C-alpha atoms as a PDB file:
ATOM      1  CA  MET A   1     -68.451  28.738  15.321  1.00  0.00           C
ATOM      2  CA  SER A   2     -69.054  30.283  18.740  1.00  0.00           C
ATOM      3  CA  SER A   3     -66.671  29.727  21.629  1.00  0.00           C
ATOM      4  CA  SER A   4     -69.326  27.665  23.437  1.00  0.00           C
ATOM      5  CA  ASN A   5     -69.660  25.328  20.451  1.00  0.00           C
ATOM      6  CA  SER A   6     -65.887  25.036  20.025  1.00  0.00           C
ATOM      7  CA  ALA A   7     -65.701  23.400  23.470  1.00  0.00           C
ATOM      8  CA  LEU A   8     -68.118  20.656  22.407  1.00  0.00           C
ATOM      9  CA  PRO A   9     -66.735  17.235  21.420  1.00  0.00           C
ATOM     10  CA  SER A  10     -66.892  16.049  17.822  1.00  0.00           C
ATOM     11  CA  GLY A  11     -66.991  12.853  15.808  1.00  0.00           C
ATOM     12  CA  ALA A  12     -67.050   9.578  17.728  1.00  0.00           C
ATOM     13  CA  ALA A  13     -66.542  11.366  21.069  1.00  0.00           C
ATOM     14  CA  LEU A  14     -69.659  13.445  20.424  1.00  0.00           C
ATOM     15  CA  GLN A  15     -71.728  10.352  19.596  1.00  0.00           C
ATOM     16  CA  ASP A  16     -70.443   8.621  22.730  1.00  0.00           C
ATOM     17  CA  GLU A  17     -71.491  11.588  24.852  1.00  0.00           C
ATOM     18  CA  ILE A  18     -74.948  11.668  23.239  1.00  0.00           C
ATOM     19  CA  ASP A  19     -75.381   7.941  23.900  1.00  0.00           C
ATOM     20  CA  SER A  20     -74.271   8.431  27.498  1.00  0.00           C
ATOM     21  CA  LEU A  21     -76.745  11.276  27.954  1.00  0.00           C
ATOM     22  CA  ASN A  22     -79.579   9.188  26.514  1.00  0.00           C
ATOM     23  CA  ALA A  23     -78.823   6.490  29.086  1.00  0.00           C
ATOM     24  CA  GLN A  24     -78.789   9.105  31.878  1.00  0.00           C
ATOM     25  CA  ILE A  25     -82.116  10.529  30.638  1.00  0.00           C
ATOM     26  CA  THR A  26     -83.715   7.085  30.736  1.00  0.00           C
ATOM     27  CA  LYS A  27     -82.418   6.467  34.258  1.00  0.00           C
ATOM     28  CA  GLN A  28     -83.427   9.924  35.516  1.00  0.00           C
ATOM     29  CA  GLY A  29     -86.879   9.570  33.945  1.00  0.00           C
ATOM     30  CA  ALA A  30     -87.391   6.316  35.844  1.00  0.00           C
ATOM     31  CA  HIS A  31     -86.206   8.046  39.033  1.00  0.00           C
ATOM     32  CA  VAL A  32     -88.742  10.870  38.547  1.00  0.00           C
ATOM     33  CA  ARG A  33     -91.585   8.393  37.998  1.00  0.00           C
ATOM     34  CA  THR A  34     -90.584   6.493  41.138  1.00  0.00           C
ATOM     35  CA  LEU A  35     -90.526   9.679  43.222  1.00  0.00           C
ATOM     36  CA  LYS A  36     -93.975  10.670  41.957  1.00  0.00           C
ATOM     37  CA  LYS A  37     -95.368   7.300  43.005  1.00  0.00           C
ATOM     38  CA  GLU A  38     -93.814   7.268  46.488  1.00  0.00           C
ATOM     39  CA  SER A  39     -95.925   8.928  49.159  1.00  0.00           C
ATOM     40  CA  SER A  40     -92.778   9.682  51.185  1.00  0.00           C
ATOM     41  CA  SER A  41     -91.354  11.955  48.460  1.00  0.00           C
ATOM     42  CA  ASN A  42     -91.543  15.705  49.075  1.00  0.00           C
ATOM     43  CA  ALA A  43     -92.220  18.408  46.518  1.00  0.00           C
ATOM     44  CA  ASP A  44     -88.687  19.823  46.599  1.00  0.00           C
ATOM     45  CA  GLU A  45     -87.145  16.415  45.899  1.00  0.00           C
ATOM     46  CA  ILE A  46     -89.481  15.829  42.970  1.00  0.00           C
ATOM     47  CA  ALA A  47     -88.914  19.331  41.586  1.00  0.00           C
ATOM     48  CA  SER A  48     -85.144  18.861  41.826  1.00  0.00           C
ATOM     49  CA  ALA A  49     -85.320  15.511  40.005  1.00  0.00           C
ATOM     50  CA  VAL A  50     -87.528  17.010  37.280  1.00  0.00           C
ATOM     51  CA  GLU A  51     -85.135  19.929  36.825  1.00  0.00           C
ATOM     52  CA  GLU A  52     -82.213  17.524  36.474  1.00  0.00           C
ATOM     53  CA  LEU A  53     -84.159  15.567  33.845  1.00  0.00           C
ATOM     54  CA  LYS A  54     -84.881  18.774  31.934  1.00  0.00           C
ATOM     55  CA  ARG A  55     -81.198  19.755  32.138  1.00  0.00           C
ATOM     56  CA  LEU A  56     -80.092  16.411  30.708  1.00  0.00           C
ATOM     57  CA  LYS A  57     -82.640  16.623  27.889  1.00  0.00           C
ATOM     58  CA  LEU A  58     -81.592  20.181  27.046  1.00  0.00           C
ATOM     59  CA  HIS A  59     -77.911  19.209  27.000  1.00  0.00           C
ATOM     60  CA  ALA A  60     -78.641  16.194  24.795  1.00  0.00           C
ATOM     61  CA  GLU A  61     -80.649  18.370  22.389  1.00  0.00           C
ATOM     62  CA  THR A  62     -77.797  20.893  22.241  1.00  0.00           C
ATOM     63  CA  LEU A  63     -75.322  18.146  21.359  1.00  0.00           C
ATOM     64  CA  ARG A  64     -77.662  16.694  18.717  1.00  0.00           C
ATOM     65  CA  LYS A  65     -78.046  20.108  17.064  1.00  0.00           C
ATOM     66  CA  HIS A  66     -74.273  20.558  17.132  1.00  0.00           C
ATOM     67  CA  GLN A  67     -73.837  17.119  15.572  1.00  0.00           C
ATOM     68  CA  GLU A  68     -76.360  17.891  12.836  1.00  0.00           C
ATOM     69  CA  ALA A  69     -74.726  21.267  12.112  1.00  0.00           C
ATOM     70  CA  SER A  70     -71.233  19.794  11.866  1.00  0.00           C
ATOM     71  CA  ASP A  71     -72.342  16.705   9.926  1.00  0.00           C
ATOM     72  CA  PRO A  72     -75.642  17.014   7.995  1.00  0.00           C
ATOM     73  CA  SER A  73     -75.622  13.245   7.435  1.00  0.00           C
ATOM     74  CA  LYS A  74     -76.371  12.836  11.161  1.00  0.00           C
ATOM     75  CA  THR A  75     -79.693  14.681  10.873  1.00  0.00           C
ATOM     76  CA  PHE A  76     -82.473  12.297  11.885  1.00  0.00           C
ATOM     77  CA  ASN A  77     -85.295  12.178   9.347  1.00  0.00           C
ATOM     78  CA  ARG A  78     -88.182  10.306  10.972  1.00  0.00           C
ATOM     79  CA  LYS A  79     -90.165   9.964   7.740  1.00  0.00           C
ATOM     80  CA  VAL A  80     -87.213   8.414   5.885  1.00  0.00           C
ATOM     81  CA  PHE A  81     -86.486   6.150   8.876  1.00  0.00           C
ATOM     82  CA  ASP A  82     -90.080   4.876   9.016  1.00  0.00           C
ATOM     83  CA  GLU A  83     -90.052   4.203   5.274  1.00  0.00           C
ATOM     84  CA  LEU A  84     -86.716   2.368   5.586  1.00  0.00           C
ATOM     85  CA  ILE A  85     -87.784  -0.044   8.353  1.00  0.00           C
ATOM     86  CA  LEU A  86     -90.955  -0.824   6.417  1.00  0.00           C
ATOM     87  CA  ARG A  87     -89.140  -1.299   3.103  1.00  0.00           C
ATOM     88  CA  LYS A  88     -86.442  -3.483   4.682  1.00  0.00           C
ATOM     89  CA  MET A  89     -89.169  -5.291   6.624  1.00  0.00           C
ATOM     90  CA  PHE A  90     -87.760  -4.768  10.095  1.00  0.00           C
ATOM     91  CA  ILE A  91     -91.240  -4.081  11.475  1.00  0.00           C
ATOM     92  CA  VAL A  92     -94.496  -4.132   9.528  1.00  0.00           C
ATOM     93  CA  PRO A  93     -98.124  -3.509  10.560  1.00  0.00           C
ATOM     94  CA  SER A  94     -99.938  -6.740  11.403  1.00  0.00           C
ATOM     95  CA  PHE A  95    -102.769  -7.804   9.064  1.00  0.00           C
ATOM     96  CA  GLU A  96    -101.910  -4.917   6.764  1.00  0.00           C
ATOM     97  CA  ILE A  97    -103.884  -6.243   3.794  1.00  0.00           C
ATOM     98  CA  HIS A  98    -107.024  -6.227   5.962  1.00  0.00           C
ATOM     99  CA  GLY A  99    -106.533  -2.669   7.185  1.00  0.00           C
ATOM    100  CA  GLY A 100    -104.359  -3.537  10.183  1.00  0.00           C
ATOM    101  CA  VAL A 101    -104.947  -2.941  13.880  1.00  0.00           C
ATOM    102  CA  LYS A 102    -103.350   0.070  15.556  1.00  0.00           C
ATOM    103  CA  GLY A 103    -100.610  -1.017  17.957  1.00  0.00           C
ATOM    104  CA  LEU A 104    -100.026  -4.482  16.465  1.00  0.00           C
ATOM    105  CA  PHE A 105     -96.847  -5.137  14.471  1.00  0.00           C
ATOM    106  CA  ASP A 106     -94.965  -8.100  12.999  1.00  0.00           C
ATOM    107  CA  LEU A 107     -91.188  -8.533  13.084  1.00  0.00           C
ATOM    108  CA  GLY A 108     -89.589  -9.156   9.710  1.00  0.00           C
ATOM    109  CA  PRO A 109     -86.445 -11.226   9.014  1.00  0.00           C
ATOM    110  CA  PRO A 110     -83.874  -8.550  10.080  1.00  0.00           C
ATOM    111  CA  ALA A 111     -85.735  -7.821  13.326  1.00  0.00           C
ATOM    112  CA  CYS A 112     -86.063 -11.537  14.099  1.00  0.00           C
ATOM    113  CA  ALA A 113     -82.303 -11.940  13.702  1.00  0.00           C
ATOM    114  CA  LEU A 114     -81.665  -8.893  15.912  1.00  0.00           C
ATOM    115  CA  LYS A 115     -84.078 -10.175  18.560  1.00  0.00           C
ATOM    116  CA  ALA A 116     -82.414 -13.610  18.557  1.00  0.00           C
ATOM    117  CA  ALA A 117     -78.996 -11.976  19.036  1.00  0.00           C
ATOM    118  CA  ILE A 118     -80.270  -9.851  21.953  1.00  0.00           C
ATOM    119  CA  VAL A 119     -81.894 -12.868  23.633  1.00  0.00           C
ATOM    120  CA  ASP A 120     -78.694 -14.860  23.167  1.00  0.00           C
ATOM    121  CA  ALA A 121     -76.614 -12.082  24.758  1.00  0.00           C
ATOM    122  CA  TRP A 122     -79.118 -11.746  27.635  1.00  0.00           C
ATOM    123  CA  ARG A 123     -79.107 -15.495  28.281  1.00  0.00           C
ATOM    124  CA  LYS A 124     -75.299 -15.690  28.266  1.00  0.00           C
ATOM    125  CA  HIS A 125     -74.921 -12.616  30.491  1.00  0.00           C
ATOM    126  CA  PHE A 126     -77.474 -13.669  33.122  1.00  0.00           C
ATOM    127  CA  VAL A 127     -78.660 -17.267  32.874  1.00  0.00           C
ATOM    128  CA  LEU A 128     -75.413 -19.015  31.939  1.00  0.00           C
ATOM    129  CA  THR A 129     -72.992 -16.753  33.838  1.00  0.00           C
ATOM    130  CA  GLU A 130     -74.994 -16.995  37.067  1.00  0.00           C
ATOM    131  CA  SER A 131     -76.194 -20.615  36.616  1.00  0.00           C
ATOM    132  CA  MET A 132     -79.821 -19.514  36.801  1.00  0.00           C
ATOM    133  CA  LEU A 133     -82.719 -21.938  36.492  1.00  0.00           C
ATOM    134  CA  GLU A 134     -84.489 -21.090  33.242  1.00  0.00           C
ATOM    135  CA  MET A 135     -88.118 -22.002  32.602  1.00  0.00           C
ATOM    136  CA  GLU A 136     -90.572 -21.581  29.753  1.00  0.00           C
ATOM    137  CA  CYS A 137     -94.115 -21.427  31.121  1.00  0.00           C
ATOM    138  CA  THR A 138     -97.462 -21.425  29.354  1.00  0.00           C
ATOM    139  CA  CYS A 139     -98.914 -18.114  28.180  1.00  0.00           C
ATOM    140  CA  LEU A 140    -102.428 -19.173  29.260  1.00  0.00           C
ATOM    141  CA  THR A 141    -103.107 -18.751  32.987  1.00  0.00           C
ATOM    142  CA  PRO A 142    -106.137 -20.059  34.954  1.00  0.00           C
ATOM    143  CA  GLU A 143    -108.194 -17.387  36.695  1.00  0.00           C
ATOM    144  CA  VAL A 144    -107.434 -18.754  40.192  1.00  0.00           C
ATOM    145  CA  VAL A 145    -103.711 -17.944  39.792  1.00  0.00           C
ATOM    146  CA  LEU A 146    -104.305 -14.320  38.830  1.00  0.00           C
ATOM    147  CA  LYS A 147    -107.109 -13.984  41.365  1.00  0.00           C
ATOM    148  CA  THR A 148    -104.645 -15.013  44.084  1.00  0.00           C
ATOM    149  CA  SER A 149    -101.979 -12.576  42.845  1.00  0.00           C
ATOM    150  CA  GLY A 150    -104.503  -9.723  42.761  1.00  0.00           C
ATOM    151  CA  HIS A 151    -104.394  -9.188  39.001  1.00  0.00           C
ATOM    152  CA  VAL A 152    -108.097  -9.954  38.450  1.00  0.00           C
ATOM    153  CA  ASP A 153    -109.194  -7.270  40.924  1.00  0.00           C
ATOM    154  CA  ARG A 154    -106.412  -4.718  40.746  1.00  0.00           C
ATOM    155  CA  PHE A 155    -104.592  -4.999  37.396  1.00  0.00           C
ATOM    156  CA  THR A 156    -106.673  -2.118  36.060  1.00  0.00           C
ATOM    157  CA  ASP A 157    -106.382   1.439  34.785  1.00  0.00           C
ATOM    158  CA  LEU A 158    -109.041   4.091  35.210  1.00  0.00           C
ATOM    159  CA  MET A 159    -110.094   5.252  31.760  1.00  0.00           C
ATOM    160  CA  VAL A 160    -112.129   8.187  30.455  1.00  0.00           C
ATOM    161  CA  LYS A 161    -113.834   8.478  27.102  1.00  0.00           C
ATOM    162  CA  ASP A 162    -114.146  11.295  24.595  1.00  0.00           C
ATOM    163  CA  PRO A 163    -117.960  11.617  24.317  1.00  0.00           C
ATOM    164  CA  VAL A 164    -117.744  12.584  20.639  1.00  0.00           C
ATOM    165  CA  SER A 165    -115.152  10.195  19.160  1.00  0.00           C
ATOM    166  CA  GLY A 166    -115.495   7.420  21.747  1.00  0.00           C
ATOM    167  CA  GLU A 167    -111.689   7.267  22.092  1.00  0.00           C
ATOM    168  CA  CYS A 168    -110.450   6.192  25.521  1.00  0.00           C
ATOM    169  CA  PHE A 169    -107.608   7.699  27.543  1.00  0.00           C
ATOM    170  CA  ARG A 170    -105.900   6.772  30.799  1.00  0.00           C
ATOM    171  CA  ALA A 171    -107.317   9.182  33.368  1.00  0.00           C
ATOM    172  CA  ASP A 172    -104.384   9.365  35.817  1.00  0.00           C
ATOM    173  CA  LYS A 173    -101.936  10.116  32.990  1.00  0.00           C
ATOM    174  CA  LEU A 174    -104.153  12.962  31.778  1.00  0.00           C
ATOM    175  CA  LEU A 175    -104.117  14.444  35.265  1.00  0.00           C
ATOM    176  CA  GLU A 176    -100.333  14.048  35.626  1.00  0.00           C
ATOM    177  CA  ASP A 177     -99.720  15.634  32.223  1.00  0.00           C
ATOM    178  CA  VAL A 178    -101.981  18.629  32.801  1.00  0.00           C
ATOM    179  CA  ILE A 179    -100.232  19.329  36.127  1.00  0.00           C
ATOM    180  CA  ASP A 180     -96.816  19.081  34.421  1.00  0.00           C
ATOM    181  CA  GLU A 181     -97.994  21.598  31.817  1.00  0.00           C
ATOM    182  CA  LEU A 182     -99.343  23.904  34.518  1.00  0.00           C
ATOM    183  CA  LEU A 183     -96.086  23.858  36.500  1.00  0.00           C
ATOM    184  CA  GLU A 184     -93.951  24.311  33.394  1.00  0.00           C
ATOM    185  CA  ALA A 185     -96.038  27.279  32.270  1.00  0.00           C
ATOM    186  CA  ASN A 186     -95.754  28.924  35.692  1.00  0.00           C
ATOM    187  CA  PRO A 187     -92.102  28.652  36.830  1.00  0.00           C
ATOM    188  CA  ASP A 188     -92.600  31.456  39.398  1.00  0.00           C
ATOM    189  CA  MET A 189     -95.538  29.754  41.113  1.00  0.00           C
ATOM    190  CA  PRO A 190     -95.367  30.076  44.939  1.00  0.00           C
ATOM    191  CA  THR A 191     -93.788  27.051  46.632  1.00  0.00           C
ATOM    192  CA  GLU A 192     -96.871  26.253  48.695  1.00  0.00           C
ATOM    193  CA  GLU A 193     -99.121  26.212  45.634  1.00  0.00           C
ATOM    194  CA  ARG A 194     -96.591  24.151  43.651  1.00  0.00           C
ATOM    195  CA  GLU A 195     -96.434  21.572  46.449  1.00  0.00           C
ATOM    196  CA  ARG A 196    -100.213  21.324  46.479  1.00  0.00           C
ATOM    197  CA  HIS A 197    -100.271  20.526  42.760  1.00  0.00           C
ATOM    198  CA  LEU A 198     -97.441  18.009  43.140  1.00  0.00           C
ATOM    199  CA  ARG A 199     -99.286  16.234  45.966  1.00  0.00           C
ATOM    200  CA  VAL A 200    -102.269  15.815  43.657  1.00  0.00           C
ATOM    201  CA  GLN A 201     -99.972  14.536  40.903  1.00  0.00           C
ATOM    202  CA  ILE A 202     -98.318  11.995  43.223  1.00  0.00           C
ATOM    203  CA  GLN A 203    -101.724  10.607  44.210  1.00  0.00           C
ATOM    204  CA  ALA A 204    -103.089  10.507  40.635  1.00  0.00           C
ATOM    205  CA  ASP A 205    -103.085   6.706  40.332  1.00  0.00           C
ATOM    206  CA  ALA A 206    -104.515   6.262  43.859  1.00  0.00           C
ATOM    207  CA  PHE A 207    -107.694   8.325  43.381  1.00  0.00           C
ATOM    208  CA  SER A 208    -111.095   6.648  43.205  1.00  0.00           C
ATOM    209  CA  PRO A 209    -113.117   7.150  39.996  1.00  0.00           C
ATOM    210  CA  ALA A 210    -115.175   9.916  41.626  1.00  0.00           C
ATOM    211  CA  GLU A 211    -112.079  11.673  42.999  1.00  0.00           C
ATOM    212  CA  LEU A 212    -110.317  11.451  39.643  1.00  0.00           C
ATOM    213  CA  ASP A 213    -113.357  12.899  37.838  1.00  0.00           C
ATOM    214  CA  GLU A 214    -113.384  15.773  40.328  1.00  0.00           C
ATOM    215  CA  GLN A 215    -109.684  16.519  39.786  1.00  0.00           C
ATOM    216  CA  LEU A 216    -109.948  16.360  35.986  1.00  0.00           C
ATOM    217  CA  ALA A 217    -112.828  18.851  36.114  1.00  0.00           C
ATOM    218  CA  LEU A 218    -110.914  21.066  38.572  1.00  0.00           C
ATOM    219  CA  TYR A 219    -107.893  21.239  36.221  1.00  0.00           C
ATOM    220  CA  GLY A 220    -110.106  21.810  33.186  1.00  0.00           C
ATOM    221  CA  CYS A 221    -109.105  18.661  31.279  1.00  0.00           C
ATOM    222  CA  LYS A 222    -110.945  18.478  27.981  1.00  0.00           C
ATOM    223  CA  ALA A 223    -111.139  15.701  25.405  1.00  0.00           C
ATOM    224  CA  PRO A 224    -109.637  16.216  21.908  1.00  0.00           C
ATOM    225  CA  SER A 225    -113.158  17.037  20.728  1.00  0.00           C
ATOM    226  CA  GLY A 226    -113.231  19.974  23.156  1.00  0.00           C
ATOM    227  CA  GLU A 227    -115.916  18.390  25.321  1.00  0.00           C
ATOM    228  CA  PRO A 228    -115.440  17.288  28.958  1.00  0.00           C
ATOM    229  CA  TYR A 229    -114.441  13.644  29.373  1.00  0.00           C
ATOM    230  CA  GLY A 230    -117.060  11.108  30.394  1.00  0.00           C
ATOM    231  CA  PRO A 231    -116.963   9.531  33.872  1.00  0.00           C
ATOM    232  CA  SER A 232    -113.904   7.405  34.610  1.00  0.00           C
ATOM    233  CA  PHE A 233    -114.282   3.642  34.721  1.00  0.00           C
ATOM    234  CA  PRO A 234    -111.956   0.734  35.617  1.00  0.00           C
ATOM    235  CA  PHE A 235    -110.548  -1.265  32.721  1.00  0.00           C
ATOM    236  CA  ASN A 236    -108.772  -4.575  33.340  1.00  0.00           C
ATOM    237  CA  LEU A 237    -105.610  -4.826  31.264  1.00  0.00           C
ATOM    238  CA  MET A 238    -105.703  -8.615  30.810  1.00  0.00           C
ATOM    239  CA  PHE A 239    -107.099 -10.532  27.845  1.00  0.00           C
ATOM    240  CA  LYS A 240    -109.812 -12.862  29.157  1.00  0.00           C
ATOM    241  CA  THR A 241    -110.661 -16.176  27.508  1.00  0.00           C
ATOM    242  CA  SER A 242    -112.186 -19.581  28.318  1.00  0.00           C
ATOM    243  CA  ILE A 243    -110.300 -22.863  28.590  1.00  0.00           C
ATOM    244  CA  GLY A 244    -111.937 -25.907  27.046  1.00  0.00           C
ATOM    245  CA  PRO A 245    -115.084 -26.326  24.909  1.00  0.00           C
ATOM    246  CA  GLU A 246    -117.431 -26.161  27.913  1.00  0.00           C
ATOM    247  CA  GLY A 247    -116.539 -22.519  28.530  1.00  0.00           C
ATOM    248  CA  THR A 248    -116.764 -22.959  32.299  1.00  0.00           C
ATOM    249  CA  SER A 249    -113.050 -22.555  33.046  1.00  0.00           C
ATOM    250  CA  VAL A 250    -111.928 -18.926  32.845  1.00  0.00           C
ATOM    251  CA  GLY A 251    -108.379 -18.060  31.887  1.00  0.00           C
ATOM    252  CA  TYR A 252    -106.255 -15.090  30.894  1.00  0.00           C
ATOM    253  CA  LEU A 253    -103.324 -14.520  28.590  1.00  0.00           C
ATOM    254  CA  ARG A 254    -100.543 -13.785  31.066  1.00  0.00           C
ATOM    255  CA  PRO A 255     -99.838 -10.057  31.526  1.00  0.00           C
ATOM    256  CA  GLU A 256     -96.273 -10.792  32.713  1.00  0.00           C
ATOM    257  CA  THR A 257     -93.922 -13.751  33.010  1.00  0.00           C
ATOM    258  CA  ALA A 258     -93.381 -13.819  36.784  1.00  0.00           C
ATOM    259  CA  GLN A 259     -96.376 -15.961  37.824  1.00  0.00           C
ATOM    260  CA  GLY A 260     -95.058 -19.106  36.153  1.00  0.00           C
ATOM    261  CA  LEU A 261     -91.860 -18.849  38.203  1.00  0.00           C
ATOM    262  CA  PHE A 262     -93.669 -18.104  41.461  1.00  0.00           C
ATOM    263  CA  VAL A 263     -96.048 -21.066  41.292  1.00  0.00           C
ATOM    264  CA  ASN A 264     -93.139 -23.394  40.472  1.00  0.00           C
ATOM    265  CA  PHE A 265     -91.051 -22.233  43.436  1.00  0.00           C
ATOM    266  CA  ARG A 266     -91.168 -25.572  45.286  1.00  0.00           C
ATOM    267  CA  ARG A 267     -90.081 -27.554  42.241  1.00  0.00           C
ATOM    268  CA  LEU A 268     -87.349 -25.032  41.451  1.00  0.00           C
ATOM    269  CA  LEU A 269     -86.095 -25.306  45.015  1.00  0.00           C
ATOM    270  CA  ASP A 270     -86.029 -29.116  44.686  1.00  0.00           C
ATOM    271  CA  ALA A 271     -84.206 -28.799  41.360  1.00  0.00           C
ATOM    272  CA  ASN A 272     -81.606 -26.672  43.137  1.00  0.00           C
ATOM    273  CA  SER A 273     -81.101 -29.364  45.822  1.00  0.00           C
ATOM    274  CA  GLN A 274     -82.994 -27.295  48.424  1.00  0.00           C
ATOM    275  CA  LYS A 275     -80.278 -24.622  48.325  1.00  0.00           C
ATOM    276  CA  MET A 276     -80.954 -20.931  48.783  1.00  0.00           C
ATOM    277  CA  PRO A 277     -80.455 -18.470  47.233  1.00  0.00           C
ATOM    278  CA  PHE A 278     -81.119 -19.299  43.609  1.00  0.00           C
ATOM    279  CA  ALA A 279     -82.330 -17.344  40.602  1.00  0.00           C
ATOM    280  CA  ALA A 280     -85.002 -18.367  38.125  1.00  0.00           C
ATOM    281  CA  ALA A 281     -85.329 -16.761  34.706  1.00  0.00           C
ATOM    282  CA  GLN A 282     -87.858 -16.757  31.904  1.00  0.00           C
ATOM    283  CA  ILE A 283     -88.036 -15.171  28.481  1.00  0.00           C
ATOM    284  CA  GLY A 284     -91.398 -14.984  26.770  1.00  0.00           C
ATOM    285  CA  LEU A 285     -94.498 -13.096  25.755  1.00  0.00           C
ATOM    286  CA  GLY A 286     -96.833 -11.073  27.938  1.00  0.00           C
ATOM    287  CA  PHE A 287    -100.169  -9.688  26.807  1.00  0.00           C
ATOM    288  CA  ARG A 288    -101.772  -6.436  27.900  1.00  0.00           C
ATOM    289  CA  ASN A 289    -104.891  -4.719  26.679  1.00  0.00           C
ATOM    290  CA  GLY A 290    -104.578  -0.995  27.204  1.00  0.00           C
ATOM    291  CA  GLU A 291    -104.868   2.583  26.051  1.00  0.00           C
ATOM    292  CA  ALA A 292    -101.190   3.067  25.141  1.00  0.00           C
ATOM    293  CA  LEU A 293    -101.518   1.030  21.955  1.00  0.00           C
ATOM    294  CA  CYS A 294    -105.293   1.506  21.698  1.00  0.00           C
ATOM    295  CA  LEU A 295    -106.434  -2.105  21.415  1.00  0.00           C
ATOM    296  CA  GLY A 296    -103.626  -4.060  22.936  1.00  0.00           C
ATOM    297  CA  SER A 297    -100.043  -5.143  22.837  1.00  0.00           C
ATOM    298  CA  THR A 298     -97.855  -8.205  22.928  1.00  0.00           C
ATOM    299  CA  LEU A 299     -94.773  -7.663  25.056  1.00  0.00           C
ATOM    300  CA  PHE A 300     -91.552  -9.636  24.870  1.00  0.00           C
ATOM    301  CA  ILE A 301     -90.458  -9.841  28.497  1.00  0.00           C
ATOM    302  CA  THR A 302     -87.289 -10.991  30.213  1.00  0.00           C
ATOM    303  CA  CYS A 303     -87.789 -11.818  33.875  1.00  0.00           C
ATOM    304  CA  ILE A 304     -85.480 -12.818  36.739  1.00  0.00           C
ATOM    305  CA  ASP A 305     -86.718 -13.718  40.233  1.00  0.00           C
ATOM    306  CA  SER A 306     -84.163 -14.397  42.930  1.00  0.00           C
ATOM    307  CA  PRO A 307     -85.637 -15.589  46.255  1.00  0.00           C
ATOM    308  CA  CYS A 308     -83.041 -15.172  48.982  1.00  0.00           C
ATOM    309  CA  PHE A 309     -82.394 -13.832  52.449  1.00  0.00           C
ATOM    310  CA  SER A 310     -80.663 -10.461  52.738  1.00  0.00           C
ATOM    311  CA  HIS A 311     -77.401 -11.990  53.998  1.00  0.00           C
ATOM    312  CA  GLN A 312     -77.308 -14.379  51.039  1.00  0.00           C
ATOM    313  CA  LYS A 313     -76.900 -11.786  48.255  1.00  0.00           C
ATOM    314  CA  GLN A 314     -73.430 -13.027  47.387  1.00  0.00           C
ATOM    315  CA  SER A 315     -73.568 -12.941  43.577  1.00  0.00           C
ATOM    316  CA  LYS A 316     -71.065 -10.426  42.172  1.00  0.00           C
ATOM    317  CA  LEU A 317     -73.408  -9.760  39.258  1.00  0.00           C
ATOM    318  CA  PHE A 318     -76.318  -9.215  41.687  1.00  0.00           C
ATOM    319  CA  VAL A 319     -74.276  -6.709  43.686  1.00  0.00           C
ATOM    320  CA  LYS A 320     -73.127  -4.913  40.520  1.00  0.00           C
ATOM    321  CA  LEU A 321     -76.652  -4.622  39.108  1.00  0.00           C
ATOM    322  CA  PHE A 322     -78.204  -3.707  42.470  1.00  0.00           C
ATOM    323  CA  CYS A 323     -75.692  -0.956  43.127  1.00  0.00           C
ATOM    324  CA  THR A 324     -76.038   0.380  39.585  1.00  0.00           C
ATOM    325  CA  SER A 325     -79.833   0.620  39.799  1.00  0.00           C
ATOM    326  CA  ASN A 326     -79.812   1.813  43.442  1.00  0.00           C
ATOM    327  CA  PRO A 327     -77.046   4.437  43.681  1.00  0.00           C
ATOM    328  CA  LYS A 328     -78.130   5.438  47.213  1.00  0.00           C
ATOM    329  CA  SER A 329     -77.599   1.896  48.521  1.00  0.00           C
END
């Protein structure tokens, strides 16, 4: 074994370091995405954050290879893993006997038990420890609620379609990915040119359909079929339905759990004896129709909303979580 490998940890210490790195990668990835979305971010800051993310990923991959070399039983076999979770019925494709629907899955008995344990731990850690006000709101939301919150008009993604296969893709993600590939393939690109590409990438989700089409053509984005993508179009991510047999009342399956807490603010405040601050929590399903899982997805969401004034953030748990997720604060 080389001298560089001999300095690496082994056994349980190695696994602990890999787990720690995975957590850092998740956190750094979120930081990079936030920087790309913020108009105040500069190219150097983004580039530095991306480089740090790459460094963490490279280090984690080095440790995984070392772990696999020292203990072949640690080698991750994705095919065997997929077969195992199907055979043990952790997760199975929904409606499998009818051909299934891509992106829809059912939880089997082991996964249901695991989910119940996670929810129980979450509830004890947050709701019970902090005396939060827990609610369970309906999954069906009238149009007026989501119209007021802006979801009806703005909860959309711009999509493009492969003209041959008809498959749809999220346009801003295509643009972001092709710029990432361009920058990675040209590490010696002049700073001014790199900043220009990064500015385009930062604005990817703010472009109009026409602007996005222009950028995709400029960067030479092609569909899997090899043909240029069709024109981009807005796609609302909510599942629309009608309430009642008359069909005159429009509703949506909720895309997130927050609205139920917001519209019940006055009653929650009364339930808390008109005292501020307080925290309200909800655990439940959210429904989104999008490109990531092709036809749609059902999300299990945990949500906490804590209306308060800045000088009232006295909860020790609040301070701990806030400082952990906002290291600059």
